[in-house]
Amino acid sequence: QWVQALQLFREMSDILVERSSITFSAAVSACEKGQQWVQALQLFREMADSRVERNSISYNAAVSACDKGAACVHLVLLFGEEASSL
């Protein structure tokens, strides 16, 4: 069902519905449940690119997706990029 969730999320911008931290986090979580850690991290990065504030829910969803995908090193690199931009 992660595919349908992601499709709905992508369609939001087509119908001019504003994407928020809630909708981004839900999409990241759907990818996590579908074991799609690459897609989850892309969405997590897209949050910053879209100037949507990340919160504890979005961080937890990204961490969980990487943990399930044994991709923690990618998450560490992403967090490192964020730390260096502060």
C-alpha atoms as a PDB file:
ATOM      1  CA  GLN A   1       0.000   0.000   0.000  1.00  0.00           C
ATOM      2  CA  TRP A   2       3.013   2.283   0.176  1.00  0.00           C
ATOM      3  CA  VAL A   3       2.712   2.804  -3.582  1.00  0.00           C
ATOM      4  CA  GLN A   4      -0.818   4.178  -3.255  1.00  0.00           C
ATOM      5  CA  ALA A   5       0.186   6.376  -0.320  1.00  0.00           C
ATOM      6  CA  LEU A   6       3.095   7.811  -2.256  1.00  0.00           C
ATOM      7  CA  GLN A   7       0.958   8.363  -5.338  1.00  0.00           C
ATOM      8  CA  LEU A   8      -1.622  10.256  -3.291  1.00  0.00           C
ATOM      9  CA  PHE A   9       1.140  12.316  -1.693  1.00  0.00           C
ATOM     10  CA  ARG A  10       2.540  13.230  -5.131  1.00  0.00           C
ATOM     11  CA  GLU A  11      -0.922  14.150  -6.412  1.00  0.00           C
ATOM     12  CA  MET A  12      -1.367  16.667  -3.598  1.00  0.00           C
ATOM     13  CA  SER A  13       0.757  19.254  -5.364  1.00  0.00           C
ATOM     14  CA  ASP A  14      -1.134  18.653  -8.622  1.00  0.00           C
ATOM     15  CA  ILE A  15      -4.390  19.695  -6.976  1.00  0.00           C
ATOM     16  CA  LEU A  16      -2.723  22.552  -5.071  1.00  0.00           C
ATOM     17  CA  VAL A  17      -2.974  20.967  -1.631  1.00  0.00           C
ATOM     18  CA  GLU A  18      -0.123  22.146   0.564  1.00  0.00           C
ATOM     19  CA  ARG A  19       2.171  19.403   1.783  1.00  0.00           C
ATOM     20  CA  SER A  20       3.078  19.691   5.454  1.00  0.00           C
ATOM     21  CA  SER A  21       5.276  17.957   7.977  1.00  0.00           C
ATOM     22  CA  ILE A  22       2.314  15.675   8.694  1.00  0.00           C
ATOM     23  CA  THR A  23       1.849  14.587   5.085  1.00  0.00           C
ATOM     24  CA  PHE A  24       5.584  14.230   4.463  1.00  0.00           C
ATOM     25  CA  SER A  25       5.977  12.169   7.639  1.00  0.00           C
ATOM     26  CA  ALA A  26       3.065   9.947   6.642  1.00  0.00           C
ATOM     27  CA  ALA A  27       4.654   9.375   3.222  1.00  0.00           C
ATOM     28  CA  VAL A  28       8.051   8.589   4.783  1.00  0.00           C
ATOM     29  CA  SER A  29       6.340   6.205   7.198  1.00  0.00           C
ATOM     30  CA  ALA A  30       4.479   4.485   4.354  1.00  0.00           C
ATOM     31  CA  CYS A  31       7.790   3.945   2.556  1.00  0.00           C
ATOM     32  CA  GLU A  32       9.281   2.597   5.772  1.00  0.00           C
ATOM     33  CA  LYS A  33       6.455   0.087   6.113  1.00  0.00           C
ATOM     34  CA  GLY A  34       6.995  -0.941   2.485  1.00  0.00           C
ATOM     35  CA  GLN A  35      10.730  -1.351   3.142  1.00  0.00           C
ATOM     36  CA  GLN A  36      11.531   1.403   0.648  1.00  0.00           C
ATOM     37  CA  TRP A  37      14.318   3.154   2.543  1.00  0.00           C
ATOM     38  CA  VAL A  38      15.742   4.884  -0.543  1.00  0.00           C
ATOM     39  CA  GLN A  39      12.373   6.466  -1.289  1.00  0.00           C
ATOM     40  CA  ALA A  40      11.923   7.346   2.392  1.00  0.00           C
ATOM     41  CA  LEU A  41      15.235   9.215   2.453  1.00  0.00           C
ATOM     42  CA  GLN A  42      14.401  10.995  -0.789  1.00  0.00           C
ATOM     43  CA  LEU A  43      11.187  12.244   0.773  1.00  0.00           C
ATOM     44  CA  PHE A  44      13.009  13.214   3.946  1.00  0.00           C
ATOM     45  CA  ARG A  45      15.467  15.277   1.899  1.00  0.00           C
ATOM     46  CA  GLU A  46      12.600  16.715  -0.151  1.00  0.00           C
ATOM     47  CA  MET A  47      11.104  18.068   3.059  1.00  0.00           C
ATOM     48  CA  ALA A  48      14.090  20.371   3.481  1.00  0.00           C
ATOM     49  CA  ASP A  49      14.100  21.282  -0.199  1.00  0.00           C
ATOM     50  CA  SER A  50      10.415  22.215   0.110  1.00  0.00           C
ATOM     51  CA  ARG A  51      11.125  24.215   3.262  1.00  0.00           C
ATOM     52  CA  VAL A  52       8.875  21.980   5.330  1.00  0.00           C
ATOM     53  CA  GLU A  53      10.059  21.760   8.915  1.00  0.00           C
ATOM     54  CA  ARG A  54      11.170  18.319   9.989  1.00  0.00           C
ATOM     55  CA  ASN A  55      10.018  17.183  13.394  1.00  0.00           C
ATOM     56  CA  SER A  56      10.537  14.234  15.687  1.00  0.00           C
ATOM     57  CA  ILE A  57       7.960  12.196  13.785  1.00  0.00           C
ATOM     58  CA  SER A  58       9.677  12.689  10.426  1.00  0.00           C
ATOM     59  CA  TYR A  59      13.110  11.988  11.934  1.00  0.00           C
ATOM     60  CA  ASN A  60      11.823   8.813  13.614  1.00  0.00           C
ATOM     61  CA  ALA A  61      10.206   7.609  10.385  1.00  0.00           C
ATOM     62  CA  ALA A  62      13.465   8.169   8.467  1.00  0.00           C
ATOM     63  CA  VAL A  63      15.520   6.413  11.140  1.00  0.00           C
ATOM     64  CA  SER A  64      13.106   3.492  11.201  1.00  0.00           C
ATOM     65  CA  ALA A  65      13.173   3.170   7.399  1.00  0.00           C
ATOM     66  CA  CYS A  66      16.959   3.081   7.359  1.00  0.00           C
ATOM     67  CA  ASP A  67      17.104   0.677  10.255  1.00  0.00           C
ATOM     68  CA  LYS A  68      14.792  -1.769   8.496  1.00  0.00           C
ATOM     69  CA  GLY A  69      16.785  -1.384   5.301  1.00  0.00           C
ATOM     70  CA  ALA A  70      20.140  -1.791   7.056  1.00  0.00           C
ATOM     71  CA  ALA A  71      21.055   1.576   5.598  1.00  0.00           C
ATOM     72  CA  CYS A  72      22.007   3.505   8.712  1.00  0.00           C
ATOM     73  CA  VAL A  73      25.180   4.801   7.087  1.00  0.00           C
ATOM     74  CA  HIS A  74      23.047   6.755   4.596  1.00  0.00           C
ATOM     75  CA  LEU A  75      21.142   8.355   7.423  1.00  0.00           C
ATOM     76  CA  VAL A  76      24.351   9.300   9.204  1.00  0.00           C
ATOM     77  CA  LEU A  77      25.582  10.954   6.012  1.00  0.00           C
ATOM     78  CA  LEU A  78      22.310  12.841   5.608  1.00  0.00           C
ATOM     79  CA  PHE A  79      22.392  14.059   9.201  1.00  0.00           C
ATOM     80  CA  GLY A  80      26.037  15.040   8.705  1.00  0.00           C
ATOM     81  CA  GLU A  81      25.038  17.204   5.744  1.00  0.00           C
ATOM     82  CA  GLU A  82      22.442  18.929   7.893  1.00  0.00           C
ATOM     83  CA  ALA A  83      24.858  19.539  10.756  1.00  0.00           C
ATOM     84  CA  SER A  84      27.416  21.106   8.439  1.00  0.00           C
ATOM     85  CA  SER A  85      24.811  23.492   7.034  1.00  0.00           C
ATOM     86  CA  LEU A  86      23.999  24.940  10.480  1.00  0.00           C
END
